[in-house]
C-alpha atoms as a PDB file:
ATOM      1  CA  MET A   1      14.191  13.551 -18.572  1.00  0.00           C
ATOM      2  CA  THR A   2      14.654  15.082 -15.108  1.00  0.00           C
ATOM      3  CA  GLN A   3      16.896  13.086 -12.770  1.00  0.00           C
ATOM      4  CA  ILE A   4      14.824  10.869 -10.474  1.00  0.00           C
ATOM      5  CA  ARG A   5      15.617  11.510  -6.802  1.00  0.00           C
ATOM      6  CA  CYS A   6      12.799   9.667  -5.021  1.00  0.00           C
ATOM      7  CA  ILE A   7      11.180   6.312  -5.827  1.00  0.00           C
ATOM      8  CA  ALA A   8       8.099   4.705  -4.264  1.00  0.00           C
ATOM      9  CA  LEU A   9       7.579   0.985  -4.793  1.00  0.00           C
ATOM     10  CA  ASP A  10       4.468  -1.030  -4.111  1.00  0.00           C
ATOM     11  CA  LEU A  11       5.083  -4.450  -2.549  1.00  0.00           C
ATOM     12  CA  ASP A  12       2.604  -7.199  -3.463  1.00  0.00           C
ATOM     13  CA  GLY A  13       2.309  -7.736  -7.192  1.00  0.00           C
ATOM     14  CA  THR A  14       5.127  -5.254  -7.802  1.00  0.00           C
ATOM     15  CA  LEU A  15       8.407  -5.534  -5.883  1.00  0.00           C
ATOM     16  CA  LEU A  16       7.636  -8.964  -4.445  1.00  0.00           C
ATOM     17  CA  GLY A  17       7.574 -11.965  -6.734  1.00  0.00           C
ATOM     18  CA  PRO A  18       4.820 -14.584  -6.709  1.00  0.00           C
ATOM     19  CA  ASP A  19       6.718 -16.205  -3.810  1.00  0.00           C
ATOM     20  CA  HIS A  20       6.411 -12.966  -1.740  1.00  0.00           C
ATOM     21  CA  GLN A  21      10.199 -12.528  -1.894  1.00  0.00           C
ATOM     22  CA  ILE A  22      12.410  -9.784  -3.340  1.00  0.00           C
ATOM     23  CA  SER A  23      14.389 -11.157  -6.272  1.00  0.00           C
ATOM     24  CA  ALA A  24      18.143 -10.687  -6.510  1.00  0.00           C
ATOM     25  CA  ALA A  25      17.670  -8.505  -9.594  1.00  0.00           C
ATOM     26  CA  ASN A  26      15.197  -6.209  -7.851  1.00  0.00           C
ATOM     27  CA  ALA A  27      17.351  -5.950  -4.725  1.00  0.00           C
ATOM     28  CA  SER A  28      20.435  -5.144  -6.805  1.00  0.00           C
ATOM     29  CA  ALA A  29      18.623  -2.395  -8.717  1.00  0.00           C
ATOM     30  CA  ILE A  30      17.398  -0.839  -5.468  1.00  0.00           C
ATOM     31  CA  ARG A  31      20.911  -0.896  -3.992  1.00  0.00           C
ATOM     32  CA  ASP A  32      22.222   0.823  -7.119  1.00  0.00           C
ATOM     33  CA  CYS A  33      19.558   3.512  -6.717  1.00  0.00           C
ATOM     34  CA  LEU A  34      20.529   4.037  -3.079  1.00  0.00           C
ATOM     35  CA  ASP A  35      24.214   4.233  -4.041  1.00  0.00           C
ATOM     36  CA  ALA A  36      23.240   6.912  -6.570  1.00  0.00           C
ATOM     37  CA  GLY A  37      21.703   8.986  -3.774  1.00  0.00           C
ATOM     38  CA  ILE A  38      18.089   8.248  -4.691  1.00  0.00           C
ATOM     39  CA  HIS A  39      15.600   8.082  -1.827  1.00  0.00           C
ATOM     40  CA  VAL A  40      13.649   4.807  -2.011  1.00  0.00           C
ATOM     41  CA  VAL A  41      10.487   4.140  -0.025  1.00  0.00           C
ATOM     42  CA  LEU A  42       8.168   1.138   0.035  1.00  0.00           C
ATOM     43  CA  ALA A  43       4.448   1.929  -0.151  1.00  0.00           C
ATOM     44  CA  SER A  44       1.927  -0.791   0.626  1.00  0.00           C
ATOM     45  CA  GLY A  45      -1.462  -1.602   2.051  1.00  0.00           C
ATOM     46  CA  ARG A  46       0.335  -3.810   4.554  1.00  0.00           C
ATOM     47  CA  SER A  47       0.967  -2.900   8.176  1.00  0.00           C
ATOM     48  CA  PHE A  48       4.315  -1.540   9.356  1.00  0.00           C
ATOM     49  CA  ASP A  49       5.246  -4.804  11.081  1.00  0.00           C
ATOM     50  CA  SER A  50       4.599  -6.776   7.903  1.00  0.00           C
ATOM     51  CA  MET A  51       6.642  -4.322   5.803  1.00  0.00           C
ATOM     52  CA  ARG A  52       9.554  -3.703   8.172  1.00  0.00           C
ATOM     53  CA  PRO A  53      11.530  -6.896   7.357  1.00  0.00           C
ATOM     54  CA  TYR A  54      11.631  -5.862   3.690  1.00  0.00           C
ATOM     55  CA  GLY A  55      12.722  -2.351   4.616  1.00  0.00           C
ATOM     56  CA  GLN A  56      15.459  -3.721   6.855  1.00  0.00           C
ATOM     57  CA  ALA A  57      16.702  -6.127   4.195  1.00  0.00           C
ATOM     58  CA  LEU A  58      16.992  -3.301   1.668  1.00  0.00           C
ATOM     59  CA  GLY A  59      18.407  -0.706   4.063  1.00  0.00           C
ATOM     60  CA  LEU A  60      15.515   1.725   3.590  1.00  0.00           C
ATOM     61  CA  PRO A  61      14.814   4.409   6.212  1.00  0.00           C
ATOM     62  CA  GLU A  62      11.044   4.776   5.995  1.00  0.00           C
ATOM     63  CA  LEU A  63       7.869   3.031   4.885  1.00  0.00           C
ATOM     64  CA  ILE A  64       4.462   4.215   3.679  1.00  0.00           C
ATOM     65  CA  CYS A  65       2.080   1.763   5.334  1.00  0.00           C
ATOM     66  CA  GLN A  66      -1.594   0.835   5.161  1.00  0.00           C
ATOM     67  CA  ASN A  67      -2.244   2.664   1.900  1.00  0.00           C
ATOM     68  CA  GLY A  68      -0.745   5.874   3.213  1.00  0.00           C
ATOM     69  CA  ALA A  69      -2.710   5.981   6.458  1.00  0.00           C
ATOM     70  CA  ALA A  70       0.543   5.521   8.396  1.00  0.00           C
ATOM     71  CA  VAL A  71       4.277   6.045   7.957  1.00  0.00           C
ATOM     72  CA  GLY A  72       6.989   4.086   9.714  1.00  0.00           C
ATOM     73  CA  ASP A  73      10.637   4.589  10.629  1.00  0.00           C
ATOM     74  CA  VAL A  74      12.575   1.369  10.118  1.00  0.00           C
ATOM     75  CA  ALA A  75      15.574   2.156  12.347  1.00  0.00           C
ATOM     76  CA  SER A  76      13.555   3.208  15.406  1.00  0.00           C
ATOM     77  CA  ASP A  77      10.819   0.590  14.872  1.00  0.00           C
ATOM     78  CA  SER A  78       8.186   3.318  15.195  1.00  0.00           C
ATOM     79  CA  VAL A  79       5.049   4.133  13.245  1.00  0.00           C
ATOM     80  CA  ARG A  80       2.653   7.072  13.310  1.00  0.00           C
ATOM     81  CA  ALA A  81      -0.806   7.559  11.897  1.00  0.00           C
ATOM     82  CA  ARG A  82      -1.404  10.270   9.326  1.00  0.00           C
ATOM     83  CA  GLN A  83      -5.120  10.052  10.054  1.00  0.00           C
ATOM     84  CA  LEU A  84      -7.264   7.663  12.107  1.00  0.00           C
ATOM     85  CA  LEU A  85     -10.689   6.252  11.350  1.00  0.00           C
ATOM     86  CA  GLN A  86     -13.387   7.703  13.583  1.00  0.00           C
ATOM     87  CA  PRO A  87     -15.778   5.445  15.539  1.00  0.00           C
ATOM     88  CA  ASP A  88     -18.727   6.432  13.339  1.00  0.00           C
ATOM     89  CA  GLN A  89     -16.752   5.530  10.196  1.00  0.00           C
ATOM     90  CA  VAL A  90     -15.866   2.116  11.626  1.00  0.00           C
ATOM     91  CA  ALA A  91     -19.487   1.552  12.633  1.00  0.00           C
ATOM     92  CA  LEU A  92     -20.757   2.516   9.169  1.00  0.00           C
ATOM     93  CA  VAL A  93     -18.609   0.060   7.220  1.00  0.00           C
ATOM     94  CA  SER A  94     -18.673  -2.770   9.750  1.00  0.00           C
ATOM     95  CA  GLY A  95     -22.466  -2.575   9.914  1.00  0.00           C
ATOM     96  CA  LEU A  96     -22.768  -2.846   6.136  1.00  0.00           C
ATOM     97  CA  LEU A  97     -20.378  -5.799   5.999  1.00  0.00           C
ATOM     98  CA  LEU A  98     -22.025  -7.641   8.886  1.00  0.00           C
ATOM     99  CA  ALA A  99     -25.434  -7.242   7.240  1.00  0.00           C
ATOM    100  CA  ARG A 100     -24.058  -8.816   4.052  1.00  0.00           C
ATOM    101  CA  GLY A 101     -22.130 -11.614   5.752  1.00  0.00           C
ATOM    102  CA  ILE A 102     -18.794 -10.396   4.389  1.00  0.00           C
ATOM    103  CA  PRO A 103     -15.765 -11.253   6.577  1.00  0.00           C
ATOM    104  CA  PHE A 104     -13.525  -8.322   7.479  1.00  0.00           C
ATOM    105  CA  CYS A 105     -10.927  -7.003   9.897  1.00  0.00           C
ATOM    106  CA  LEU A 106      -9.813  -3.637  11.273  1.00  0.00           C
ATOM    107  CA  PHE A 107      -6.185  -2.511  11.089  1.00  0.00           C
ATOM    108  CA  GLY A 108      -4.600  -0.517  13.903  1.00  0.00           C
ATOM    109  CA  LEU A 109      -1.064   0.835  13.801  1.00  0.00           C
ATOM    110  CA  ARG A 110       0.553  -2.298  15.239  1.00  0.00           C
ATOM    111  CA  GLU A 111      -2.208  -4.916  15.258  1.00  0.00           C
ATOM    112  CA  ILE A 112      -5.258  -6.193  13.406  1.00  0.00           C
ATOM    113  CA  VAL A 113      -8.505  -7.045  15.175  1.00  0.00           C
ATOM    114  CA  TYR A 114     -11.621  -8.891  14.089  1.00  0.00           C
ATOM    115  CA  LEU A 115     -14.965  -9.964  15.496  1.00  0.00           C
ATOM    116  CA  PRO A 116     -15.578 -13.635  16.369  1.00  0.00           C
ATOM    117  CA  GLY A 117     -15.878 -15.654  13.167  1.00  0.00           C
ATOM    118  CA  LYS A 118     -15.731 -12.551  10.971  1.00  0.00           C
ATOM    119  CA  ALA A 119     -12.204 -12.667   9.504  1.00  0.00           C
ATOM    120  CA  GLN A 120      -9.749 -14.930   7.707  1.00  0.00           C
ATOM    121  CA  PRO A 121      -6.585 -15.084   9.868  1.00  0.00           C
ATOM    122  CA  ASP A 122      -4.953 -17.593   7.520  1.00  0.00           C
ATOM    123  CA  VAL A 123      -5.047 -14.975   4.760  1.00  0.00           C
ATOM    124  CA  LEU A 124      -3.435 -12.400   7.059  1.00  0.00           C
ATOM    125  CA  LEU A 125      -0.678 -14.861   7.940  1.00  0.00           C
ATOM    126  CA  SER A 126       0.020 -15.529   4.269  1.00  0.00           C
ATOM    127  CA  TYR A 127       0.732 -11.802   3.836  1.00  0.00           C
ATOM    128  CA  GLY A 128       3.112 -11.686   6.779  1.00  0.00           C
ATOM    129  CA  GLU A 129       0.747  -9.917   9.168  1.00  0.00           C
ATOM    130  CA  PRO A 130       2.004 -11.107  12.581  1.00  0.00           C
ATOM    131  CA  MET A 131      -0.219  -9.261  15.043  1.00  0.00           C
ATOM    132  CA  PHE A 132      -3.937 -10.005  14.977  1.00  0.00           C
ATOM    133  CA  ARG A 133      -6.502 -10.948  17.595  1.00  0.00           C
ATOM    134  CA  GLU A 134     -10.202 -11.447  18.160  1.00  0.00           C
ATOM    135  CA  VAL A 135     -12.152  -8.760  20.035  1.00  0.00           C
ATOM    136  CA  PRO A 136     -15.784  -8.592  21.201  1.00  0.00           C
ATOM    137  CA  ALA A 137     -16.407  -5.158  19.654  1.00  0.00           C
ATOM    138  CA  LEU A 138     -14.707  -2.713  17.287  1.00  0.00           C
ATOM    139  CA  THR A 139     -14.569   0.138  19.796  1.00  0.00           C
ATOM    140  CA  PRO A 140     -11.741   2.474  20.904  1.00  0.00           C
ATOM    141  CA  GLN A 141     -11.485   0.382  24.064  1.00  0.00           C
ATOM    142  CA  HIS A 142     -10.340  -2.590  21.993  1.00  0.00           C
ATOM    143  CA  ILE A 143      -8.469  -0.773  19.215  1.00  0.00           C
ATOM    144  CA  PRO A 144      -7.557   2.871  19.943  1.00  0.00           C
ATOM    145  CA  ASP A 145      -5.782   3.618  16.653  1.00  0.00           C
ATOM    146  CA  PRO A 146      -7.797   2.241  13.693  1.00  0.00           C
ATOM    147  CA  VAL A 147      -6.459   3.254  10.280  1.00  0.00           C
ATOM    148  CA  LYS A 148      -8.256   1.060   7.733  1.00  0.00           C
ATOM    149  CA  LEU A 149     -10.934  -1.602   7.320  1.00  0.00           C
ATOM    150  CA  LEU A 150     -10.356  -4.584   5.033  1.00  0.00           C
ATOM    151  CA  ALA A 151     -13.059  -6.916   3.701  1.00  0.00           C
ATOM    152  CA  PHE A 152     -12.301 -10.351   2.280  1.00  0.00           C
ATOM    153  CA  CYS A 153     -14.432 -10.498  -0.861  1.00  0.00           C
ATOM    154  CA  GLU A 154     -14.105 -10.917  -4.593  1.00  0.00           C
ATOM    155  CA  ALA A 155     -14.939  -8.061  -6.953  1.00  0.00           C
ATOM    156  CA  SER A 156     -18.676  -7.899  -7.613  1.00  0.00           C
ATOM    157  CA  PRO A 157     -21.548  -5.451  -8.072  1.00  0.00           C
ATOM    158  CA  CYS A 158     -21.364  -5.184  -4.293  1.00  0.00           C
ATOM    159  CA  ASP A 159     -18.313  -2.931  -4.746  1.00  0.00           C
ATOM    160  CA  ASP A 160     -20.388  -0.186  -6.342  1.00  0.00           C
ATOM    161  CA  GLU A 161     -23.183  -0.590  -3.812  1.00  0.00           C
ATOM    162  CA  LEU A 162     -20.812  -0.289  -0.857  1.00  0.00           C
ATOM    163  CA  ARG A 163     -19.030   2.697  -2.408  1.00  0.00           C
ATOM    164  CA  ALA A 164     -22.334   4.497  -2.807  1.00  0.00           C
ATOM    165  CA  LEU A 165     -23.220   3.784   0.821  1.00  0.00           C
ATOM    166  CA  THR A 166     -19.859   4.799   2.311  1.00  0.00           C
ATOM    167  CA  ALA A 167     -18.890   7.837   0.202  1.00  0.00           C
ATOM    168  CA  PRO A 168     -18.020  10.588   0.906  1.00  0.00           C
ATOM    169  CA  ALA A 169     -17.418   9.565   4.521  1.00  0.00           C
ATOM    170  CA  LEU A 170     -14.714   7.113   3.422  1.00  0.00           C
ATOM    171  CA  ASP A 171     -12.517   6.271   0.456  1.00  0.00           C
ATOM    172  CA  GLN A 172     -12.993   2.744  -0.905  1.00  0.00           C
ATOM    173  CA  LEU A 173     -10.287   0.882  -2.833  1.00  0.00           C
ATOM    174  CA  ARG A 174      -9.984  -2.591  -4.281  1.00  0.00           C
ATOM    175  CA  THR A 175      -6.362  -3.377  -3.526  1.00  0.00           C
ATOM    176  CA  HIS A 176      -6.462  -7.046  -4.568  1.00  0.00           C
ATOM    177  CA  ARG A 177      -8.933  -9.307  -6.312  1.00  0.00           C
ATOM    178  CA  SER A 178      -9.957 -10.533  -2.835  1.00  0.00           C
ATOM    179  CA  PHE A 179      -9.485  -7.342  -0.760  1.00  0.00           C
ATOM    180  CA  LEU A 180     -11.775  -4.324  -0.516  1.00  0.00           C
ATOM    181  CA  GLU A 181     -10.579  -1.552   1.798  1.00  0.00           C
ATOM    182  CA  TRP A 182     -11.801   1.687   3.401  1.00  0.00           C
ATOM    183  CA  MET A 183      -9.783   4.595   4.768  1.00  0.00           C
ATOM    184  CA  PRO A 184     -10.420   8.196   5.832  1.00  0.00           C
ATOM    185  CA  PRO A 185     -11.089  10.398   2.788  1.00  0.00           C
ATOM    186  CA  GLY A 186      -8.001  11.862   1.164  1.00  0.00           C
ATOM    187  CA  VAL A 187      -5.659   9.409   2.854  1.00  0.00           C
ATOM    188  CA  GLY A 188      -3.699   7.458   0.270  1.00  0.00           C
ATOM    189  CA  LYS A 189      -0.274   6.438  -0.894  1.00  0.00           C
ATOM    190  CA  GLY A 190      -0.129   9.487  -3.135  1.00  0.00           C
ATOM    191  CA  ALA A 191      -0.707  11.971  -0.315  1.00  0.00           C
ATOM    192  CA  ALA A 192       1.925  10.249   1.817  1.00  0.00           C
ATOM    193  CA  LEU A 193       4.404  10.185  -1.077  1.00  0.00           C
ATOM    194  CA  ALA A 194       3.776  13.874  -1.761  1.00  0.00           C
ATOM    195  CA  GLU A 195       4.670  14.587   1.880  1.00  0.00           C
ATOM    196  CA  VAL A 196       7.923  12.665   1.501  1.00  0.00           C
ATOM    197  CA  ALA A 197       8.798  14.565  -1.677  1.00  0.00           C
ATOM    198  CA  ALA A 198       7.965  17.915  -0.075  1.00  0.00           C
ATOM    199  CA  ARG A 199      10.150  17.112   2.937  1.00  0.00           C
ATOM    200  CA  LEU A 200      13.019  16.303   0.570  1.00  0.00           C
ATOM    201  CA  GLY A 201      12.391  19.482  -1.425  1.00  0.00           C
ATOM    202  CA  LEU A 202      11.634  17.597  -4.629  1.00  0.00           C
ATOM    203  CA  SER A 203       9.382  18.439  -7.545  1.00  0.00           C
ATOM    204  CA  LYS A 204       6.879  16.004  -9.022  1.00  0.00           C
ATOM    205  CA  GLU A 205       9.212  15.469 -11.986  1.00  0.00           C
ATOM    206  CA  GLU A 206      11.885  14.096  -9.629  1.00  0.00           C
ATOM    207  CA  VAL A 207       9.566  11.411  -8.227  1.00  0.00           C
ATOM    208  CA  MET A 208       8.979   7.922  -9.645  1.00  0.00           C
ATOM    209  CA  SER A 209       6.447   5.303  -8.568  1.00  0.00           C
ATOM    210  CA  VAL A 210       5.793   1.701  -9.558  1.00  0.00           C
ATOM    211  CA  GLY A 211       2.615  -0.249  -8.791  1.00  0.00           C
ATOM    212  CA  ASP A 212      -0.150  -2.522 -10.009  1.00  0.00           C
ATOM    213  CA  SER A 213      -3.392  -1.822  -8.112  1.00  0.00           C
ATOM    214  CA  GLN A 214      -6.054   0.808  -7.465  1.00  0.00           C
ATOM    215  CA  ASN A 215      -4.235   2.034  -4.366  1.00  0.00           C
ATOM    216  CA  ASP A 216      -1.238   2.928  -6.557  1.00  0.00           C
ATOM    217  CA  ILE A 217      -3.157   5.336  -8.791  1.00  0.00           C
ATOM    218  CA  SER A 218      -2.776   8.179  -6.293  1.00  0.00           C
ATOM    219  CA  MET A 219       1.015   7.636  -6.363  1.00  0.00           C
ATOM    220  CA  PHE A 220       1.007   7.815 -10.144  1.00  0.00           C
ATOM    221  CA  ALA A 221      -0.715  11.202  -9.904  1.00  0.00           C
ATOM    222  CA  VAL A 222       2.118  12.759  -7.855  1.00  0.00           C
ATOM    223  CA  SER A 223       4.989  11.179  -9.827  1.00  0.00           C
ATOM    224  CA  GLY A 224       6.673  12.524 -12.922  1.00  0.00           C
ATOM    225  CA  VAL A 225       7.509   8.950 -13.888  1.00  0.00           C
ATOM    226  CA  SER A 226       4.701   6.497 -13.152  1.00  0.00           C
ATOM    227  CA  VAL A 227       5.090   2.846 -14.084  1.00  0.00           C
ATOM    228  CA  ALA A 228       2.413   0.148 -14.071  1.00  0.00           C
ATOM    229  CA  MET A 229       3.268  -3.527 -13.847  1.00  0.00           C
ATOM    230  CA  ALA A 230       2.291  -5.821 -16.720  1.00  0.00           C
ATOM    231  CA  SER A 231      -0.281  -7.440 -14.432  1.00  0.00           C
ATOM    232  CA  ALA A 232      -2.039  -4.157 -13.658  1.00  0.00           C
ATOM    233  CA  ALA A 233      -5.699  -3.988 -14.629  1.00  0.00           C
ATOM    234  CA  PRO A 234      -6.432  -1.716 -17.616  1.00  0.00           C
ATOM    235  CA  ASP A 235      -8.141   0.887 -15.413  1.00  0.00           C
ATOM    236  CA  VAL A 236      -4.969   1.088 -13.288  1.00  0.00           C
ATOM    237  CA  ALA A 237      -2.463   1.013 -16.155  1.00  0.00           C
ATOM    238  CA  ALA A 238      -4.339   3.846 -17.854  1.00  0.00           C
ATOM    239  CA  HIS A 239      -3.154   6.197 -15.087  1.00  0.00           C
ATOM    240  CA  ALA A 240       0.549   5.396 -15.575  1.00  0.00           C
ATOM    241  CA  ARG A 241       2.880   6.907 -18.185  1.00  0.00           C
ATOM    242  CA  TYR A 242       4.836   3.707 -18.695  1.00  0.00           C
ATOM    243  CA  ARG A 243       4.604  -0.048 -18.278  1.00  0.00           C
ATOM    244  CA  THR A 244       7.122  -2.654 -17.253  1.00  0.00           C
ATOM    245  CA  ALA A 245       7.327  -6.440 -17.048  1.00  0.00           C
ATOM    246  CA  SER A 246       5.484  -8.470 -14.427  1.00  0.00           C
ATOM    247  CA  ASN A 247       6.621  -9.118 -10.865  1.00  0.00           C
ATOM    248  CA  ALA A 248       7.640 -12.621 -11.981  1.00  0.00           C
ATOM    249  CA  GLU A 249       9.971 -11.062 -14.576  1.00  0.00           C
ATOM    250  CA  ASP A 250      11.785  -8.488 -12.398  1.00  0.00           C
ATOM    251  CA  GLY A 251       9.678  -5.645 -13.741  1.00  0.00           C
ATOM    252  CA  VAL A 252      10.795  -3.329 -10.936  1.00  0.00           C
ATOM    253  CA  ALA A 253      14.478  -3.831 -11.734  1.00  0.00           C
ATOM    254  CA  LEU A 254      13.838  -3.140 -15.411  1.00  0.00           C
ATOM    255  CA  ALA A 255      11.933   0.057 -14.597  1.00  0.00           C
ATOM    256  CA  LEU A 256      14.537   1.334 -12.123  1.00  0.00           C
ATOM    257  CA  ARG A 257      17.412   0.767 -14.500  1.00  0.00           C
ATOM    258  CA  ARG A 258      15.589   2.405 -17.392  1.00  0.00           C
ATOM    259  CA  PHE A 259      14.055   5.448 -15.716  1.00  0.00           C
ATOM    260  CA  ALA A 260      16.109   6.104 -12.567  1.00  0.00           C
ATOM    261  CA  LEU A 261      19.570   4.841 -13.499  1.00  0.00           C
ATOM    262  CA  GLY A 262      19.483   5.565 -17.234  1.00  0.00           C
ATOM    263  CA  VAL A 263      20.616   2.096 -18.232  1.00  0.00           C
ATOM    264  CA  ALA A 264      19.430   0.626 -21.528  1.00  0.00           C
ATOM    265  CA  VAL A 265      17.493  -2.588 -20.847  1.00  0.00           C
END
């Protein structure tokens, strides 16, 4: 097997345990990878400000944020968009969600906004999203840098209906049993990870990724070693070459030691 030189790790359901913390075993495995000269990057649907504390704790230089729509530099506390949502894209999805009574919010680079009575701030707080506010309209005046739209809804036939109504103008992903998200087409964790690998001069075979949700499938596609968590849905796991234990059982540590560090586990 080719030596792994870059690793991308999803956060929720993957690196983080059920308590939203990084276990000692996972942190130790990541430190060993860094000591071995392996580039490690976190890749999540979360915003930069929600991800940065984890990056700081692990000593990681960069973060792939908001499903690849943005990338952040931990040391300089800066984030840039890879591609923004256009006003007509925001209007399309928000109109469909408002008509169906589905609560939602709009992510900018450093804040999250929502219409009066149309979001679930308590859910955002539970995922460490610190910057959110109510606005009268989802216009550039109120949020100049929109990168993704997130709806709070359980999986249902509505998923297929909304996908049919928003494609090909937008990519739709179910990133959690209660989250449905939209981004500009072609923007994803995989595209952002491929950019990182290209900048480092690495081949696909030198890249490893670990995840559990639909938004991790694009990472699997650009990784020579792709690992799905035990909790991954069958349609997600089918895209990965390997599987590991759950996030409650230090599955990330097991995968890193087996595939990146060559340690029998």
